[in-house]
N, C-alpha and C. Protein backbone atom coordinates (compact mmCIF):
# COMPACT_ATOMS: atom_id res chain seq x y z
N MET A 1 -184.29 -87.44 -62.09
CA MET A 1 -184.13 -87.19 -60.68
C MET A 1 -185.43 -86.67 -60.12
N SER A 2 -185.69 -87.08 -58.96
CA SER A 2 -186.92 -86.60 -58.32
C SER A 2 -186.56 -85.85 -57.06
N GLU A 3 -187.42 -84.92 -56.74
CA GLU A 3 -187.20 -84.13 -55.54
C GLU A 3 -188.02 -84.74 -54.42
N THR A 4 -187.44 -84.71 -53.23
CA THR A 4 -188.18 -85.20 -52.07
C THR A 4 -188.40 -84.04 -51.13
N ASN A 5 -189.40 -84.17 -50.33
CA ASN A 5 -189.69 -83.14 -49.35
C ASN A 5 -188.74 -83.29 -48.17
N VAL A 6 -188.04 -82.21 -47.86
CA VAL A 6 -187.12 -82.20 -46.73
C VAL A 6 -187.73 -81.29 -45.68
N SER A 7 -187.80 -81.78 -44.46
CA SER A 7 -188.40 -81.02 -43.38
C SER A 7 -187.55 -79.80 -43.04
N THR A 8 -188.18 -78.68 -42.80
CA THR A 8 -187.46 -77.45 -42.42
C THR A 8 -187.50 -77.21 -40.93
N LYS A 9 -188.02 -78.16 -40.19
CA LYS A 9 -188.08 -78.03 -38.73
C LYS A 9 -186.69 -78.17 -38.15
N GLN A 10 -186.42 -77.35 -37.14
CA GLN A 10 -185.16 -77.44 -36.40
C GLN A 10 -185.29 -78.54 -35.36
N PRO A 11 -184.21 -79.25 -35.05
CA PRO A 11 -184.28 -80.31 -34.04
C PRO A 11 -184.57 -79.71 -32.66
N GLN A 12 -185.18 -80.48 -31.83
CA GLN A 12 -185.49 -80.07 -30.46
C GLN A 12 -184.20 -79.94 -29.66
N ALA A 13 -184.20 -79.05 -28.69
CA ALA A 13 -183.02 -78.84 -27.86
C ALA A 13 -182.68 -80.06 -27.03
N GLY A 14 -183.65 -80.82 -26.64
CA GLY A 14 -183.41 -81.99 -25.80
C GLY A 14 -183.09 -83.24 -26.60
N GLN A 15 -182.98 -83.13 -27.89
CA GLN A 15 -182.72 -84.29 -28.73
C GLN A 15 -181.29 -84.78 -28.50
N THR A 16 -181.08 -86.08 -28.58
CA THR A 16 -179.76 -86.66 -28.34
C THR A 16 -178.82 -86.32 -29.49
N ALA A 17 -177.55 -86.25 -29.17
CA ALA A 17 -176.54 -85.94 -30.16
C ALA A 17 -176.34 -87.11 -31.11
N ARG A 18 -175.90 -86.78 -32.34
CA ARG A 18 -175.66 -87.84 -33.32
C ARG A 18 -174.39 -88.60 -33.02
N VAL A 19 -173.45 -87.96 -32.31
CA VAL A 19 -172.19 -88.61 -31.97
C VAL A 19 -172.18 -88.81 -30.45
N PRO A 20 -171.88 -90.01 -29.99
CA PRO A 20 -171.83 -90.22 -28.53
C PRO A 20 -170.78 -89.30 -27.89
N SER A 21 -171.05 -88.82 -26.70
CA SER A 21 -170.16 -87.86 -26.04
C SER A 21 -168.78 -88.45 -25.77
N SER A 22 -168.67 -89.76 -25.66
CA SER A 22 -167.36 -90.35 -25.41
C SER A 22 -166.46 -90.22 -26.63
N ASP A 23 -167.03 -89.98 -27.82
CA ASP A 23 -166.24 -89.83 -29.04
C ASP A 23 -165.95 -88.39 -29.41
N VAL A 24 -166.42 -87.45 -28.63
CA VAL A 24 -166.23 -86.04 -28.94
C VAL A 24 -164.95 -85.55 -28.27
N ASP A 25 -164.14 -84.83 -29.02
CA ASP A 25 -162.90 -84.27 -28.50
C ASP A 25 -163.23 -83.02 -27.69
N PRO A 26 -162.89 -82.96 -26.39
CA PRO A 26 -163.23 -81.80 -25.58
C PRO A 26 -162.45 -80.56 -25.97
N GLY A 27 -161.39 -80.70 -26.76
CA GLY A 27 -160.61 -79.54 -27.16
C GLY A 27 -161.16 -78.83 -28.37
N TRP A 28 -162.20 -79.33 -28.98
CA TRP A 28 -162.77 -78.70 -30.16
C TRP A 28 -163.45 -77.41 -29.79
N THR A 29 -163.69 -76.58 -30.78
CA THR A 29 -164.26 -75.27 -30.53
C THR A 29 -165.68 -75.34 -30.01
N GLY A 30 -166.33 -76.45 -30.16
CA GLY A 30 -167.70 -76.57 -29.67
C GLY A 30 -167.78 -76.51 -28.16
N HIS A 31 -166.69 -76.75 -27.48
CA HIS A 31 -166.65 -76.70 -26.01
C HIS A 31 -165.94 -75.41 -25.61
N HIS A 32 -166.69 -74.38 -25.40
CA HIS A 32 -166.13 -73.06 -25.14
C HIS A 32 -165.46 -73.01 -23.77
N GLN A 33 -164.21 -72.59 -23.75
CA GLN A 33 -163.45 -72.53 -22.51
C GLN A 33 -163.41 -71.12 -21.93
N GLY A 34 -163.91 -70.14 -22.63
CA GLY A 34 -163.83 -68.75 -22.20
C GLY A 34 -163.26 -67.92 -23.34
N SER A 35 -163.22 -66.62 -23.16
CA SER A 35 -162.73 -65.77 -24.23
C SER A 35 -161.21 -65.81 -24.29
N ALA A 36 -160.70 -65.67 -25.49
CA ALA A 36 -159.26 -65.66 -25.70
C ALA A 36 -158.70 -64.32 -25.25
N THR A 37 -157.48 -64.35 -24.71
CA THR A 37 -156.84 -63.11 -24.29
C THR A 37 -156.02 -62.55 -25.44
N GLU A 38 -155.83 -61.25 -25.43
CA GLU A 38 -155.03 -60.61 -26.47
C GLU A 38 -153.60 -60.48 -25.99
N GLY A 39 -152.70 -60.49 -26.95
CA GLY A 39 -151.29 -60.27 -26.65
C GLY A 39 -150.61 -61.53 -26.18
N PRO A 40 -149.32 -61.41 -25.89
CA PRO A 40 -148.56 -62.57 -25.44
C PRO A 40 -148.95 -62.98 -24.03
N PRO A 41 -148.77 -64.24 -23.71
CA PRO A 41 -149.10 -64.67 -22.35
C PRO A 41 -148.13 -64.06 -21.34
N ALA A 42 -148.57 -63.96 -20.13
CA ALA A 42 -147.72 -63.41 -19.06
C ALA A 42 -146.56 -64.37 -18.80
N PRO A 43 -145.40 -63.85 -18.39
CA PRO A 43 -144.27 -64.73 -18.11
C PRO A 43 -144.61 -65.68 -16.97
N VAL A 44 -144.33 -66.96 -17.20
CA VAL A 44 -144.66 -67.98 -16.22
C VAL A 44 -143.49 -68.24 -15.30
N GLY A 45 -142.29 -68.23 -15.86
CA GLY A 45 -141.12 -68.60 -15.09
C GLY A 45 -140.61 -67.49 -14.19
N LEU A 46 -139.40 -67.68 -13.73
CA LEU A 46 -138.79 -66.73 -12.81
C LEU A 46 -137.96 -65.68 -13.54
N ILE A 47 -137.87 -65.78 -14.87
CA ILE A 47 -137.03 -64.88 -15.65
C ILE A 47 -137.93 -64.03 -16.54
N TRP A 48 -137.71 -62.73 -16.51
CA TRP A 48 -138.49 -61.83 -17.34
C TRP A 48 -137.60 -61.27 -18.43
N ARG A 49 -138.20 -60.54 -19.36
CA ARG A 49 -137.42 -59.96 -20.44
C ARG A 49 -137.14 -58.49 -20.14
N VAL A 50 -136.07 -57.99 -20.71
CA VAL A 50 -135.73 -56.57 -20.58
C VAL A 50 -136.58 -55.81 -21.58
N ASP A 51 -137.34 -54.83 -21.11
CA ASP A 51 -138.24 -54.12 -22.02
C ASP A 51 -138.19 -52.61 -21.86
N ARG A 52 -137.32 -52.12 -21.01
CA ARG A 52 -137.26 -50.67 -20.79
C ARG A 52 -135.99 -50.09 -21.42
N ARG A 53 -136.15 -48.94 -22.02
CA ARG A 53 -135.04 -48.28 -22.70
C ARG A 53 -133.91 -47.94 -21.73
N ASP A 54 -134.25 -47.44 -20.56
CA ASP A 54 -133.20 -47.06 -19.61
C ASP A 54 -132.38 -48.27 -19.16
N THR A 55 -133.01 -49.44 -19.11
CA THR A 55 -132.27 -50.66 -18.75
C THR A 55 -131.29 -51.02 -19.85
N PHE A 56 -131.72 -50.90 -21.11
CA PHE A 56 -130.81 -51.18 -22.23
C PHE A 56 -129.65 -50.19 -22.24
N GLU A 57 -129.92 -48.93 -21.93
CA GLU A 57 -128.84 -47.94 -21.89
C GLU A 57 -127.86 -48.26 -20.76
N ALA A 58 -128.37 -48.70 -19.63
CA ALA A 58 -127.49 -49.09 -18.52
C ALA A 58 -126.67 -50.32 -18.90
N LEU A 59 -127.28 -51.27 -19.62
CA LEU A 59 -126.55 -52.47 -20.06
C LEU A 59 -125.46 -52.10 -21.07
N ARG A 60 -125.73 -51.10 -21.90
CA ARG A 60 -124.74 -50.69 -22.89
C ARG A 60 -123.49 -50.15 -22.21
N ASP A 61 -123.67 -49.45 -21.08
CA ASP A 61 -122.55 -48.86 -20.37
C ASP A 61 -121.95 -49.78 -19.31
N ALA A 62 -122.54 -50.93 -19.09
CA ALA A 62 -122.07 -51.85 -18.04
C ALA A 62 -120.79 -52.56 -18.47
N ARG A 63 -120.09 -53.11 -17.49
CA ARG A 63 -118.90 -53.91 -17.77
C ARG A 63 -119.33 -55.20 -18.47
N ARG A 64 -118.50 -55.63 -19.39
CA ARG A 64 -118.80 -56.85 -20.14
C ARG A 64 -117.81 -57.95 -19.77
N ARG A 65 -118.32 -59.15 -19.78
CA ARG A 65 -117.48 -60.33 -19.56
C ARG A 65 -117.58 -61.18 -20.82
N ARG A 66 -116.44 -61.40 -21.47
CA ARG A 66 -116.43 -62.22 -22.67
C ARG A 66 -115.88 -63.59 -22.31
N GLN A 67 -116.63 -64.63 -22.67
CA GLN A 67 -116.21 -66.00 -22.41
C GLN A 67 -116.43 -66.78 -23.70
N GLY A 68 -115.36 -67.02 -24.44
CA GLY A 68 -115.49 -67.70 -25.72
C GLY A 68 -116.31 -66.84 -26.67
N PRO A 69 -117.33 -67.40 -27.30
CA PRO A 69 -118.15 -66.63 -28.24
C PRO A 69 -119.26 -65.82 -27.57
N LEU A 70 -119.38 -65.92 -26.24
CA LEU A 70 -120.45 -65.23 -25.53
C LEU A 70 -119.93 -63.96 -24.85
N THR A 71 -120.78 -62.95 -24.83
CA THR A 71 -120.49 -61.72 -24.11
C THR A 71 -121.65 -61.49 -23.14
N LEU A 72 -121.33 -61.23 -21.88
CA LEU A 72 -122.36 -61.07 -20.86
C LEU A 72 -122.19 -59.72 -20.17
N SER A 73 -123.28 -58.96 -20.12
CA SER A 73 -123.31 -57.70 -19.37
C SER A 73 -124.38 -57.83 -18.30
N TRP A 74 -124.13 -57.17 -17.15
CA TRP A 74 -125.10 -57.25 -16.05
C TRP A 74 -125.14 -55.92 -15.32
N VAL A 75 -126.35 -55.50 -14.97
CA VAL A 75 -126.53 -54.34 -14.10
C VAL A 75 -127.43 -54.78 -12.95
N PRO A 76 -127.10 -54.38 -11.73
CA PRO A 76 -127.92 -54.79 -10.59
C PRO A 76 -129.31 -54.17 -10.66
N GLY A 77 -130.25 -54.84 -10.02
CA GLY A 77 -131.62 -54.34 -10.01
C GLY A 77 -132.26 -54.49 -8.65
N ASP A 78 -133.56 -54.32 -8.61
CA ASP A 78 -134.34 -54.43 -7.38
C ASP A 78 -134.25 -55.86 -6.84
N PRO A 79 -133.84 -56.03 -5.58
CA PRO A 79 -133.71 -57.38 -5.02
C PRO A 79 -135.01 -58.18 -5.00
N GLY A 80 -136.15 -57.50 -4.98
CA GLY A 80 -137.42 -58.20 -4.96
C GLY A 80 -137.92 -58.61 -6.34
N ALA A 81 -137.30 -58.08 -7.38
CA ALA A 81 -137.75 -58.37 -8.75
C ALA A 81 -136.97 -59.56 -9.32
N PRO A 82 -137.60 -60.30 -10.22
CA PRO A 82 -136.88 -61.41 -10.85
C PRO A 82 -135.84 -60.88 -11.83
N PRO A 83 -134.86 -61.70 -12.18
CA PRO A 83 -133.86 -61.26 -13.16
C PRO A 83 -134.51 -61.05 -14.53
N ARG A 84 -133.96 -60.11 -15.28
CA ARG A 84 -134.45 -59.81 -16.63
C ARG A 84 -133.32 -60.11 -17.60
N VAL A 85 -133.66 -60.71 -18.74
CA VAL A 85 -132.63 -61.14 -19.69
C VAL A 85 -133.00 -60.67 -21.09
N ALA A 86 -132.01 -60.17 -21.82
CA ALA A 86 -132.14 -59.81 -23.23
C ALA A 86 -131.02 -60.52 -23.99
N TYR A 87 -131.27 -60.81 -25.25
CA TYR A 87 -130.31 -61.52 -26.08
C TYR A 87 -129.99 -60.68 -27.30
N THR A 88 -128.73 -60.74 -27.73
CA THR A 88 -128.34 -60.09 -28.96
C THR A 88 -127.53 -61.07 -29.79
N VAL A 89 -128.07 -61.38 -30.96
CA VAL A 89 -127.41 -62.28 -31.90
C VAL A 89 -127.45 -61.56 -33.25
N GLY A 90 -126.29 -61.07 -33.69
CA GLY A 90 -126.22 -60.25 -34.90
C GLY A 90 -126.31 -61.05 -36.19
N ARG A 91 -126.44 -60.32 -37.28
CA ARG A 91 -126.57 -60.95 -38.60
C ARG A 91 -125.31 -61.70 -39.02
N ARG A 92 -124.18 -61.31 -38.48
CA ARG A 92 -122.94 -62.02 -38.83
C ARG A 92 -122.98 -63.48 -38.41
N VAL A 93 -123.84 -63.81 -37.45
CA VAL A 93 -123.93 -65.18 -36.95
C VAL A 93 -124.47 -66.11 -38.03
N GLY A 94 -125.39 -65.63 -38.85
CA GLY A 94 -125.93 -66.47 -39.91
C GLY A 94 -127.33 -66.02 -40.29
N SER A 95 -128.04 -66.93 -40.95
CA SER A 95 -129.41 -66.62 -41.39
C SER A 95 -130.34 -66.52 -40.19
N ALA A 96 -131.56 -66.09 -40.44
CA ALA A 96 -132.53 -65.93 -39.36
C ALA A 96 -132.78 -67.27 -38.66
N VAL A 97 -132.78 -68.34 -39.42
CA VAL A 97 -133.00 -69.66 -38.82
C VAL A 97 -131.88 -69.99 -37.84
N VAL A 98 -130.66 -69.74 -38.26
CA VAL A 98 -129.49 -70.03 -37.40
C VAL A 98 -129.51 -69.15 -36.16
N ARG A 99 -129.80 -67.85 -36.35
CA ARG A 99 -129.82 -66.93 -35.20
C ARG A 99 -130.92 -67.31 -34.21
N ASN A 100 -132.10 -67.64 -34.71
CA ASN A 100 -133.20 -68.01 -33.80
C ASN A 100 -132.92 -69.31 -33.08
N ARG A 101 -132.30 -70.26 -33.76
CA ARG A 101 -131.95 -71.53 -33.11
C ARG A 101 -130.96 -71.28 -31.97
N LEU A 102 -129.96 -70.43 -32.22
CA LEU A 102 -128.98 -70.09 -31.18
C LEU A 102 -129.66 -69.37 -30.02
N ARG A 103 -130.56 -68.44 -30.33
CA ARG A 103 -131.28 -67.72 -29.27
C ARG A 103 -132.11 -68.67 -28.42
N ARG A 104 -132.76 -69.64 -29.05
CA ARG A 104 -133.55 -70.63 -28.27
C ARG A 104 -132.65 -71.46 -27.38
N ARG A 105 -131.47 -71.83 -27.87
CA ARG A 105 -130.54 -72.59 -27.04
C ARG A 105 -130.09 -71.76 -25.85
N LEU A 106 -129.81 -70.48 -26.08
CA LEU A 106 -129.41 -69.60 -24.97
C LEU A 106 -130.52 -69.43 -23.95
N ARG A 107 -131.76 -69.31 -24.43
CA ARG A 107 -132.90 -69.19 -23.50
C ARG A 107 -133.01 -70.42 -22.62
N MET A 108 -132.84 -71.59 -23.22
CA MET A 108 -132.93 -72.82 -22.45
C MET A 108 -131.80 -72.90 -21.42
N LEU A 109 -130.62 -72.49 -21.81
CA LEU A 109 -129.50 -72.50 -20.87
C LEU A 109 -129.73 -71.53 -19.72
N ILE A 110 -130.33 -70.38 -20.00
CA ILE A 110 -130.64 -69.42 -18.94
C ILE A 110 -131.67 -70.00 -17.99
N ARG A 111 -132.67 -70.68 -18.53
CA ARG A 111 -133.68 -71.30 -17.65
C ARG A 111 -133.03 -72.32 -16.73
N GLU A 112 -132.09 -73.10 -17.27
CA GLU A 112 -131.39 -74.09 -16.45
C GLU A 112 -130.51 -73.40 -15.39
N SER A 113 -129.99 -72.23 -15.72
CA SER A 113 -129.09 -71.51 -14.82
C SER A 113 -129.82 -70.52 -13.92
N ALA A 114 -131.13 -70.57 -13.89
CA ALA A 114 -131.93 -69.59 -13.13
C ALA A 114 -131.49 -69.45 -11.67
N PRO A 115 -131.13 -70.53 -10.97
CA PRO A 115 -130.71 -70.34 -9.57
C PRO A 115 -129.43 -69.50 -9.43
N MET A 116 -128.61 -69.44 -10.47
CA MET A 116 -127.37 -68.67 -10.41
C MET A 116 -127.60 -67.18 -10.67
N LEU A 117 -128.75 -66.82 -11.22
CA LEU A 117 -128.98 -65.44 -11.62
C LEU A 117 -129.31 -64.55 -10.44
N ARG A 118 -128.60 -63.44 -10.34
CA ARG A 118 -128.89 -62.44 -9.31
C ARG A 118 -129.94 -61.49 -9.85
N PRO A 119 -130.68 -60.81 -8.99
CA PRO A 119 -131.64 -59.81 -9.46
C PRO A 119 -130.92 -58.72 -10.25
N GLY A 120 -131.52 -58.34 -11.35
CA GLY A 120 -130.92 -57.33 -12.20
C GLY A 120 -131.23 -57.64 -13.66
N ALA A 121 -130.51 -56.99 -14.55
CA ALA A 121 -130.73 -57.18 -15.98
C ALA A 121 -129.47 -57.75 -16.61
N TYR A 122 -129.64 -58.71 -17.49
CA TYR A 122 -128.55 -59.37 -18.19
C TYR A 122 -128.71 -59.13 -19.68
N LEU A 123 -127.60 -58.95 -20.37
CA LEU A 123 -127.58 -58.90 -21.83
C LEU A 123 -126.58 -59.95 -22.28
N ILE A 124 -127.08 -60.93 -23.02
CA ILE A 124 -126.24 -62.03 -23.49
C ILE A 124 -126.08 -61.89 -24.99
N GLY A 125 -124.85 -61.71 -25.43
CA GLY A 125 -124.54 -61.61 -26.85
C GLY A 125 -123.82 -62.85 -27.31
N ALA A 126 -124.05 -63.22 -28.56
CA ALA A 126 -123.41 -64.41 -29.11
C ALA A 126 -122.80 -64.06 -30.46
N GLY A 127 -121.58 -64.53 -30.68
CA GLY A 127 -120.89 -64.31 -31.94
C GLY A 127 -121.01 -65.53 -32.84
N PRO A 128 -120.46 -65.44 -34.05
CA PRO A 128 -120.55 -66.54 -35.01
C PRO A 128 -119.92 -67.84 -34.52
N ALA A 129 -118.94 -67.76 -33.63
CA ALA A 129 -118.28 -68.97 -33.14
C ALA A 129 -119.19 -69.80 -32.22
N ALA A 130 -120.32 -69.24 -31.80
CA ALA A 130 -121.23 -69.96 -30.90
C ALA A 130 -122.08 -70.98 -31.65
N VAL A 131 -122.25 -70.81 -32.95
CA VAL A 131 -123.14 -71.68 -33.73
C VAL A 131 -122.67 -73.13 -33.73
N PRO A 132 -121.40 -73.42 -34.03
CA PRO A 132 -121.00 -74.84 -34.09
C PRO A 132 -120.78 -75.50 -32.73
N LEU A 133 -120.83 -74.73 -31.65
CA LEU A 133 -120.59 -75.30 -30.32
C LEU A 133 -121.69 -76.30 -29.94
N SER A 134 -121.29 -77.31 -29.21
CA SER A 134 -122.28 -78.25 -28.69
C SER A 134 -123.02 -77.57 -27.53
N TYR A 135 -124.12 -78.17 -27.14
CA TYR A 135 -124.92 -77.62 -26.05
C TYR A 135 -124.10 -77.54 -24.77
N ASP A 136 -123.31 -78.57 -24.50
CA ASP A 136 -122.50 -78.59 -23.28
C ASP A 136 -121.41 -77.52 -23.30
N ASP A 137 -120.78 -77.32 -24.47
CA ASP A 137 -119.75 -76.28 -24.57
C ASP A 137 -120.36 -74.89 -24.38
N LEU A 138 -121.53 -74.69 -24.95
CA LEU A 138 -122.23 -73.41 -24.78
C LEU A 138 -122.61 -73.19 -23.32
N ARG A 139 -123.07 -74.25 -22.66
CA ARG A 139 -123.43 -74.18 -21.24
C ARG A 139 -122.19 -73.83 -20.40
N ARG A 140 -121.08 -74.48 -20.71
CA ARG A 140 -119.85 -74.25 -19.96
C ARG A 140 -119.43 -72.78 -20.06
N ALA A 141 -119.48 -72.22 -21.27
CA ALA A 141 -119.09 -70.81 -21.46
C ALA A 141 -120.03 -69.89 -20.70
N LEU A 142 -121.32 -70.18 -20.73
CA LEU A 142 -122.28 -69.34 -20.02
C LEU A 142 -122.11 -69.43 -18.51
N VAL A 143 -121.88 -70.62 -17.99
CA VAL A 143 -121.71 -70.78 -16.55
C VAL A 143 -120.46 -70.05 -16.07
N ILE A 144 -119.39 -70.11 -16.85
CA ILE A 144 -118.16 -69.40 -16.46
C ILE A 144 -118.41 -67.89 -16.44
N ALA A 145 -119.10 -67.39 -17.45
CA ALA A 145 -119.41 -65.95 -17.49
C ALA A 145 -120.32 -65.55 -16.33
N LEU A 146 -121.32 -66.39 -16.03
CA LEU A 146 -122.22 -66.09 -14.92
C LEU A 146 -121.49 -66.15 -13.58
N SER A 147 -120.55 -67.07 -13.42
CA SER A 147 -119.81 -67.16 -12.16
C SER A 147 -118.93 -65.93 -11.98
N TYR A 148 -118.45 -65.35 -13.08
CA TYR A 148 -117.70 -64.11 -12.98
C TYR A 148 -118.59 -62.98 -12.46
N ILE A 149 -119.82 -62.94 -12.93
CA ILE A 149 -120.78 -61.94 -12.46
C ILE A 149 -121.06 -62.14 -10.97
N GLU A 150 -121.16 -63.38 -10.54
CA GLU A 150 -121.40 -63.68 -9.12
C GLU A 150 -120.27 -63.15 -8.25
N GLY A 151 -119.04 -63.17 -8.78
CA GLY A 151 -117.88 -62.72 -8.01
C GLY A 151 -117.80 -61.22 -7.86
N GLN A 152 -118.56 -60.47 -8.64
CA GLN A 152 -118.51 -59.00 -8.56
C GLN A 152 -119.18 -58.50 -7.32
């Protein structure tokens, strides 16, 4: 084997790229979009999460509406604030995968039902019987429970 001389010069700044720009993915890290933010993104939709202890205590003491496998509690809030929602799915429902899948389904149903939500805080609980329900059956139970809240 023989050694060859390799130039140690750095390429000029004005030198053309080895890959044509039409073939470069703009999403790659080479195209800096700005600094990344820390923490979770800000809520985009009209529904926020319940994050205050006093709100959870008020929800614990609130009247509950049970509709099939769902339990719904509501406390009124500031009319100018968006509705806040918390979910409770206990271990009796199943494994973490099953509980998270049910929670995601409930979140989607709440997003669809956003026009029905009054300002305030909601606590939606789900029992083991909610797991085998179809999406439409789960929606029906939630809408009935929400309509009861509307009547209060």
